[in-house]
């Protein structure tokens, strides 16, 4: 029996309630944005046009040394774990860099996250950090170890960023004019479980959230949080297993509401929707579906770590997530 298990239930410390995190500064024309590949390798035919988009916005992209690397044996990784961790740390600690954006997701962040010197990152101060998918691991690390707001948003080497104007504009406006994009949601966003909830946003790719349970520095409480989740290429039964795992582990205890994004390649959406209604409906909190972020054809930029209101109207009106403050200061 562990020492904690011997503590009477009434004496155990109450789970902490999520509090708003520190917001980095917005970007200005001429800002330098470092491009890193913490997970999988990025094809040059996608990275180059993505960098051109950043340049058209008036930003100066700076590639990390291993941004285009491929591991010599494990081709699903963008170079060795140590190199990917060093790229992120050096980019963040470079005083001339104003923001860090990931080239793509894939797999690999879990392998390198504990190789980063988080004390050095903390000393460097707040900056903008952008990514999604496997980068969920780093969003959680930035929240738990640095206490920083991050942006669950498109990456420069992804097809959605290159081809979808709404995806591009959502990120551009968040970076330069964050007060103009406080109400989030595509026209197709709708209520799965009605109600209104207020809390601090957190989350990302739901399979990565589940994979992080029990790891060093993992989130121990999400009480009062607004969970934002999405995923890709997970069968409906896999989505069920992931949500059941999170629930059994206590990771959903006390959350205020749930905003669901895209479930690209996760099977017929009617089946996925039935799983979401079954697993999330049992929580007794408002739930919104198809808000418009993640791996789908449009990926809105969602700030993580900010206070927000989730509106899931019962009358069929548009469902929205509205931040109470701009994502960046």
Protein backbone atom coordinates (compact mmCIF):
# COMPACT_ATOMS: atom_id res chain seq x y z
CA UNK A 1 0.00 0.00 0.00
CA UNK A 2 1.38 3.38 -1.00
CA UNK A 3 1.59 6.22 1.57
CA UNK A 4 -1.08 8.13 -0.31
CA UNK A 5 -3.40 5.13 -0.25
CA UNK A 6 -3.22 5.12 3.57
CA UNK A 7 -4.43 8.73 3.80
CA UNK A 8 -8.12 8.80 4.77
CA UNK A 9 -10.25 10.09 1.91
CA UNK A 10 -11.30 13.22 3.79
CA UNK A 11 -7.64 14.20 4.40
CA UNK A 12 -6.38 13.83 0.83
CA UNK A 13 -5.56 17.18 -0.82
CA UNK A 14 -8.28 18.41 -3.14
CA UNK A 15 -7.39 18.28 -6.85
CA UNK A 16 -6.23 21.66 -8.06
CA UNK A 17 -8.45 23.68 -10.34
CA UNK A 18 -6.94 24.79 -13.63
CA UNK A 19 -5.89 28.42 -13.63
CA UNK A 20 -5.16 30.65 -16.66
CA UNK A 21 -1.57 30.45 -17.85
CA UNK A 22 0.88 33.19 -18.85
CA UNK A 23 0.18 34.60 -22.31
CA UNK A 24 3.11 35.36 -24.64
CA UNK A 25 3.33 38.54 -26.69
CA UNK A 26 1.72 38.78 -30.12
CA UNK A 27 3.93 38.93 -33.18
CA UNK A 28 4.81 42.02 -35.19
CA UNK A 29 5.98 42.28 -38.79
CA UNK A 30 9.62 41.28 -38.97
CA UNK A 31 9.37 38.83 -36.07
CA UNK A 32 11.64 35.78 -36.28
CA UNK A 33 9.88 32.43 -36.05
CA UNK A 34 11.94 29.26 -35.60
CA UNK A 35 10.81 26.11 -37.42
CA UNK A 36 11.49 22.84 -35.58
CA UNK A 37 10.68 19.16 -36.19
CA UNK A 38 10.27 17.54 -32.75
CA UNK A 39 8.53 14.48 -34.13
CA UNK A 40 8.46 13.17 -37.70
CA UNK A 41 10.33 14.31 -40.81
CA UNK A 42 8.76 16.84 -43.14
CA UNK A 43 8.88 16.61 -46.96
CA UNK A 44 10.66 19.54 -48.62
CA UNK A 45 7.81 19.98 -51.09
CA UNK A 46 5.58 20.89 -48.17
CA UNK A 47 7.98 22.79 -45.95
CA UNK A 48 9.21 25.23 -48.60
CA UNK A 49 5.77 26.57 -49.60
CA UNK A 50 4.82 26.75 -45.92
CA UNK A 51 7.82 28.95 -45.23
CA UNK A 52 6.78 31.16 -48.13
CA UNK A 53 3.38 31.72 -46.48
CA UNK A 54 5.10 32.86 -43.30
CA UNK A 55 7.27 35.24 -45.31
CA UNK A 56 4.19 36.72 -46.99
CA UNK A 57 2.88 37.51 -43.51
CA UNK A 58 6.01 39.55 -42.86
CA UNK A 59 7.67 36.95 -40.63
CA UNK A 60 11.26 35.77 -40.88
CA UNK A 61 11.32 31.96 -40.64
CA UNK A 62 14.52 30.42 -39.29
CA UNK A 63 15.01 26.67 -39.76
CA UNK A 64 16.44 24.68 -36.87
CA UNK A 65 19.49 22.56 -37.82
CA UNK A 66 17.46 19.32 -37.96
CA UNK A 67 14.20 20.72 -39.32
CA UNK A 68 14.64 18.65 -42.50
CA UNK A 69 16.46 15.69 -40.95
CA UNK A 70 15.50 12.02 -41.13
CA UNK A 71 16.73 9.43 -38.65
CA UNK A 72 19.16 7.03 -40.45
CA UNK A 73 17.41 3.91 -39.10
CA UNK A 74 14.02 4.98 -37.74
CA UNK A 75 12.66 6.87 -40.72
CA UNK A 76 9.54 7.99 -38.87
CA UNK A 77 11.70 10.34 -36.77
CA UNK A 78 13.21 13.68 -37.81
CA UNK A 79 16.68 12.78 -36.57
CA UNK A 80 17.95 11.56 -33.22
CA UNK A 81 15.99 12.31 -30.05
CA UNK A 82 18.82 14.40 -28.63
CA UNK A 83 19.07 16.49 -31.80
CA UNK A 84 15.34 17.19 -31.92
CA UNK A 85 15.31 18.17 -28.25
CA UNK A 86 18.36 20.42 -28.74
CA UNK A 87 16.71 22.13 -31.72
CA UNK A 88 13.65 23.03 -29.65
CA UNK A 89 15.67 24.20 -26.67
CA UNK A 90 18.13 26.29 -28.66
CA UNK A 91 15.37 27.90 -30.71
CA UNK A 92 13.43 28.78 -27.56
CA UNK A 93 16.47 30.11 -25.73
CA UNK A 94 17.62 32.24 -28.68
CA UNK A 95 16.75 35.83 -27.66
CA UNK A 96 16.36 36.83 -31.31
CA UNK A 97 13.52 34.30 -31.83
CA UNK A 98 9.97 35.49 -31.08
CA UNK A 99 8.03 32.28 -31.76
CA UNK A 100 8.51 28.58 -32.46
CA UNK A 101 6.35 26.64 -34.91
CA UNK A 102 6.53 22.92 -35.63
CA UNK A 103 6.99 21.65 -39.16
CA UNK A 104 4.70 18.65 -38.67
CA UNK A 105 3.54 16.05 -36.15
CA UNK A 106 3.84 12.33 -36.74
CA UNK A 107 5.53 10.56 -33.85
CA UNK A 108 8.48 11.25 -31.59
CA UNK A 109 7.67 13.99 -29.07
CA UNK A 110 7.31 11.48 -26.23
CA UNK A 111 10.86 10.32 -26.96
CA UNK A 112 12.46 13.75 -26.68
CA UNK A 113 10.34 15.73 -24.20
CA UNK A 114 12.37 14.67 -21.14
CA UNK A 115 15.66 15.50 -22.88
CA UNK A 116 14.82 19.20 -22.95
CA UNK A 117 16.29 21.45 -20.24
CA UNK A 118 13.02 22.92 -19.05
CA UNK A 119 14.73 25.12 -16.47
CA UNK A 120 16.67 26.81 -19.27
CA UNK A 121 13.45 27.15 -21.29
CA UNK A 122 11.73 28.75 -18.31
CA UNK A 123 14.58 31.20 -17.86
CA UNK A 124 14.29 32.26 -21.51
CA UNK A 125 10.82 33.66 -20.86
CA UNK A 126 7.49 33.33 -22.69
CA UNK A 127 7.23 32.99 -26.46
CA UNK A 128 4.62 31.74 -28.90
CA UNK A 129 4.58 27.97 -29.52
CA UNK A 130 2.46 26.41 -32.29
CA UNK A 131 1.60 22.85 -33.34
CA UNK A 132 -0.90 20.01 -33.00
CA UNK A 133 -1.20 16.22 -33.33
CA UNK A 134 1.92 14.61 -31.74
CA UNK A 135 2.87 18.09 -30.54
CA UNK A 136 0.15 17.64 -27.90
CA UNK A 137 2.92 16.13 -25.76
CA UNK A 138 4.76 19.45 -25.87
CA UNK A 139 1.62 21.51 -25.26
CA UNK A 140 1.18 19.59 -22.01
CA UNK A 141 4.85 20.10 -21.12
CA UNK A 142 4.69 23.85 -21.79
CA UNK A 143 1.58 24.09 -19.60
CA UNK A 144 2.81 21.94 -16.72
CA UNK A 145 6.52 22.85 -16.69
CA UNK A 146 6.49 26.46 -17.92
CA UNK A 147 2.95 27.62 -17.19
CA UNK A 148 2.57 29.07 -20.69
CA UNK A 149 -0.33 29.48 -23.07
CA UNK A 150 0.36 27.67 -26.36
CA UNK A 151 -1.46 27.53 -29.70
CA UNK A 152 -3.03 24.30 -30.93
CA UNK A 153 -2.71 25.34 -34.54
CA UNK A 154 -1.53 24.37 -38.01
CA UNK A 155 2.07 23.48 -38.79
CA UNK A 156 3.98 24.86 -41.75
CA UNK A 157 4.63 21.52 -43.47
CA UNK A 158 1.07 20.20 -43.42
CA UNK A 159 -1.33 19.98 -46.34
CA UNK A 160 -4.16 21.76 -44.53
CA UNK A 161 -1.99 24.79 -43.84
CA UNK A 162 -0.84 24.94 -47.46
CA UNK A 163 -4.27 24.54 -49.07
CA UNK A 164 -6.95 25.95 -46.76
CA UNK A 165 -7.33 29.75 -46.57
CA UNK A 166 -9.46 29.59 -43.40
CA UNK A 167 -6.75 27.60 -41.63
CA UNK A 168 -4.12 30.12 -42.66
CA UNK A 169 -6.19 33.14 -41.67
CA UNK A 170 -7.08 31.71 -38.28
CA UNK A 171 -3.40 31.33 -37.41
CA UNK A 172 -2.36 34.66 -38.95
CA UNK A 173 -5.04 36.57 -37.06
CA UNK A 174 -4.23 34.81 -33.79
CA UNK A 175 -0.55 35.72 -34.14
CA UNK A 176 -1.01 39.37 -35.15
CA UNK A 177 -4.55 40.39 -34.13
CA UNK A 178 -5.64 37.93 -31.41
CA UNK A 179 -8.50 40.11 -30.19
CA UNK A 180 -10.26 39.55 -33.56
CA UNK A 181 -10.53 35.76 -33.21
CA UNK A 182 -11.84 35.23 -29.70
CA UNK A 183 -15.02 33.41 -30.81
CA UNK A 184 -14.08 30.09 -32.39
CA UNK A 185 -16.11 27.58 -34.34
CA UNK A 186 -17.01 26.71 -37.91
CA UNK A 187 -20.63 27.14 -39.09
CA UNK A 188 -21.15 23.36 -38.77
CA UNK A 189 -20.28 23.26 -35.07
CA UNK A 190 -23.21 21.90 -33.10
CA UNK A 191 -24.35 20.74 -29.70
CA UNK A 192 -23.87 17.16 -28.60
CA UNK A 193 -24.79 17.79 -24.95
CA UNK A 194 -26.46 21.19 -24.28
CA UNK A 195 -25.32 23.72 -21.74
CA UNK A 196 -22.86 26.52 -21.07
CA UNK A 197 -19.53 26.03 -19.33
CA UNK A 198 -16.64 28.21 -18.28
CA UNK A 199 -13.10 26.99 -17.70
CA UNK A 200 -9.49 27.03 -18.86
CA UNK A 201 -8.78 25.36 -22.17
CA UNK A 202 -6.47 22.34 -22.38
CA UNK A 203 -6.09 19.24 -24.51
CA UNK A 204 -5.19 18.35 -28.08
CA UNK A 205 -4.91 15.00 -29.82
CA UNK A 206 -6.80 12.69 -27.46
CA UNK A 207 -4.66 9.58 -28.03
CA UNK A 208 -1.57 11.57 -27.02
CA UNK A 209 -3.31 12.82 -23.89
CA UNK A 210 -4.04 9.21 -22.93
CA UNK A 211 -0.48 8.14 -23.73
CA UNK A 212 0.85 10.77 -21.32
CA UNK A 213 -0.93 9.41 -18.25
CA UNK A 214 1.59 8.21 -15.69
CA UNK A 215 4.60 9.82 -17.37
CA UNK A 216 6.93 12.28 -15.59
CA UNK A 217 5.37 15.72 -14.99
CA UNK A 218 2.01 14.57 -16.36
CA UNK A 219 -1.05 16.66 -15.57
CA UNK A 220 -2.53 15.47 -12.26
CA UNK A 221 -5.82 17.38 -12.38
CA UNK A 222 -8.05 18.90 -15.02
CA UNK A 223 -10.72 20.15 -12.64
CA UNK A 224 -12.47 23.20 -14.02
CA UNK A 225 -10.88 22.78 -17.43
CA UNK A 226 -12.48 22.97 -20.86
CA UNK A 227 -11.17 19.91 -22.70
CA UNK A 228 -10.55 20.33 -26.43
CA UNK A 229 -9.96 17.02 -28.24
CA UNK A 230 -9.61 15.59 -31.72
CA UNK A 231 -7.76 12.74 -33.43
CA UNK A 232 -7.09 11.00 -36.72
CA UNK A 233 -7.11 7.42 -38.09
CA UNK A 234 -8.47 5.90 -34.90
CA UNK A 235 -11.35 3.44 -35.38
CA UNK A 236 -14.49 4.13 -33.35
CA UNK A 237 -13.62 1.36 -30.88
CA UNK A 238 -10.19 2.96 -30.43
CA UNK A 239 -11.77 6.32 -29.66
CA UNK A 240 -13.97 4.49 -27.14
CA UNK A 241 -10.92 2.82 -25.56
CA UNK A 242 -9.01 6.12 -25.34
CA UNK A 243 -11.90 7.99 -23.71
CA UNK A 244 -12.58 5.09 -21.35
CA UNK A 245 -8.90 5.04 -20.37
CA UNK A 246 -8.93 8.76 -19.64
CA UNK A 247 -12.09 8.39 -17.58
CA UNK A 248 -10.85 5.40 -15.57
CA UNK A 249 -7.55 7.19 -14.90
CA UNK A 250 -9.43 10.16 -13.45
CA UNK A 251 -8.19 12.49 -16.17
CA UNK A 252 -11.73 13.72 -16.92
CA UNK A 253 -12.80 14.22 -13.30
CA UNK A 254 -14.18 17.68 -12.66
CA UNK A 255 -13.88 19.06 -16.19
CA UNK A 256 -16.36 21.79 -17.05
CA UNK A 257 -17.04 20.94 -20.70
CA UNK A 258 -15.71 19.36 -23.87
CA UNK A 259 -15.13 20.83 -27.34
CA UNK A 260 -14.55 18.24 -30.06
CA UNK A 261 -12.78 18.98 -33.30
CA UNK A 262 -12.25 16.75 -36.32
CA UNK A 263 -12.03 12.95 -36.38
CA UNK A 264 -10.44 12.61 -39.81
CA UNK A 265 -10.13 9.00 -40.93
CA UNK A 266 -11.71 7.65 -37.74
CA UNK A 267 -14.47 5.78 -39.54
CA UNK A 268 -18.03 6.85 -40.42
CA UNK A 269 -18.69 9.93 -38.34
CA UNK A 270 -22.07 8.59 -37.24
CA UNK A 271 -20.22 5.80 -35.43
CA UNK A 272 -17.67 8.19 -33.92
CA UNK A 273 -20.49 10.49 -32.85
CA UNK A 274 -22.23 7.61 -31.08
CA UNK A 275 -19.02 6.90 -29.15
CA UNK A 276 -18.62 10.56 -28.19
CA UNK A 277 -22.24 10.77 -27.06
CA UNK A 278 -21.87 7.60 -24.99
CA UNK A 279 -18.52 8.33 -23.36
CA UNK A 280 -18.69 12.13 -23.03
CA UNK A 281 -22.42 12.33 -22.41
CA UNK A 282 -21.93 10.36 -19.21
CA UNK A 283 -19.81 13.21 -17.79
CA UNK A 284 -22.84 15.45 -17.37
CA UNK A 285 -21.14 18.53 -18.89
CA UNK A 286 -21.78 20.51 -22.10
CA UNK A 287 -20.22 18.97 -25.20
CA UNK A 288 -19.77 20.58 -28.63
CA UNK A 289 -18.91 18.62 -31.76
CA UNK A 290 -17.24 19.55 -35.07
CA UNK A 291 -15.90 22.87 -33.79
CA UNK A 292 -13.33 22.89 -36.61
CA UNK A 293 -9.83 22.21 -35.26
CA UNK A 294 -7.39 19.34 -35.68
CA UNK A 295 -6.63 17.09 -38.64
CA UNK A 296 -9.70 17.99 -40.71
CA UNK A 297 -9.88 20.05 -43.90
CA UNK A 298 -9.95 23.25 -41.79
CA UNK A 299 -7.91 23.58 -38.62
CA UNK A 300 -8.75 26.63 -36.53
CA UNK A 301 -6.13 27.83 -34.06
CA UNK A 302 -7.20 27.12 -30.47
CA UNK A 303 -5.30 28.73 -27.57
CA UNK A 304 -4.59 26.35 -24.70
CA UNK A 305 -4.40 27.72 -21.17
CA UNK A 306 -6.84 30.63 -21.47
CA UNK A 307 -10.21 31.15 -19.73
CA UNK A 308 -13.08 30.55 -22.12
CA UNK A 309 -16.81 29.92 -22.36
CA UNK A 310 -18.22 26.92 -24.22
CA UNK A 311 -21.74 27.52 -25.51
CA UNK A 312 -23.71 24.44 -26.56
CA UNK A 313 -27.25 25.73 -27.19
CA UNK A 314 -30.17 23.34 -26.88
CA UNK A 315 -32.17 25.05 -29.64
CA UNK A 316 -29.85 24.03 -32.47
CA UNK A 317 -28.11 27.39 -32.71
CA UNK A 318 -24.42 27.67 -33.51
CA UNK A 319 -22.07 26.17 -30.93
CA UNK A 320 -19.01 28.23 -30.05
CA UNK A 321 -15.93 28.46 -27.87
CA UNK A 322 -15.21 32.07 -26.85
CA UNK A 323 -12.01 33.03 -25.06
CA UNK A 324 -12.40 35.62 -22.35
CA UNK A 325 -9.07 37.21 -23.27
CA UNK A 326 -7.06 37.27 -26.51
CA UNK A 327 -4.69 34.34 -26.90
CA UNK A 328 -1.66 36.66 -26.92
CA UNK A 329 -1.04 39.98 -25.23
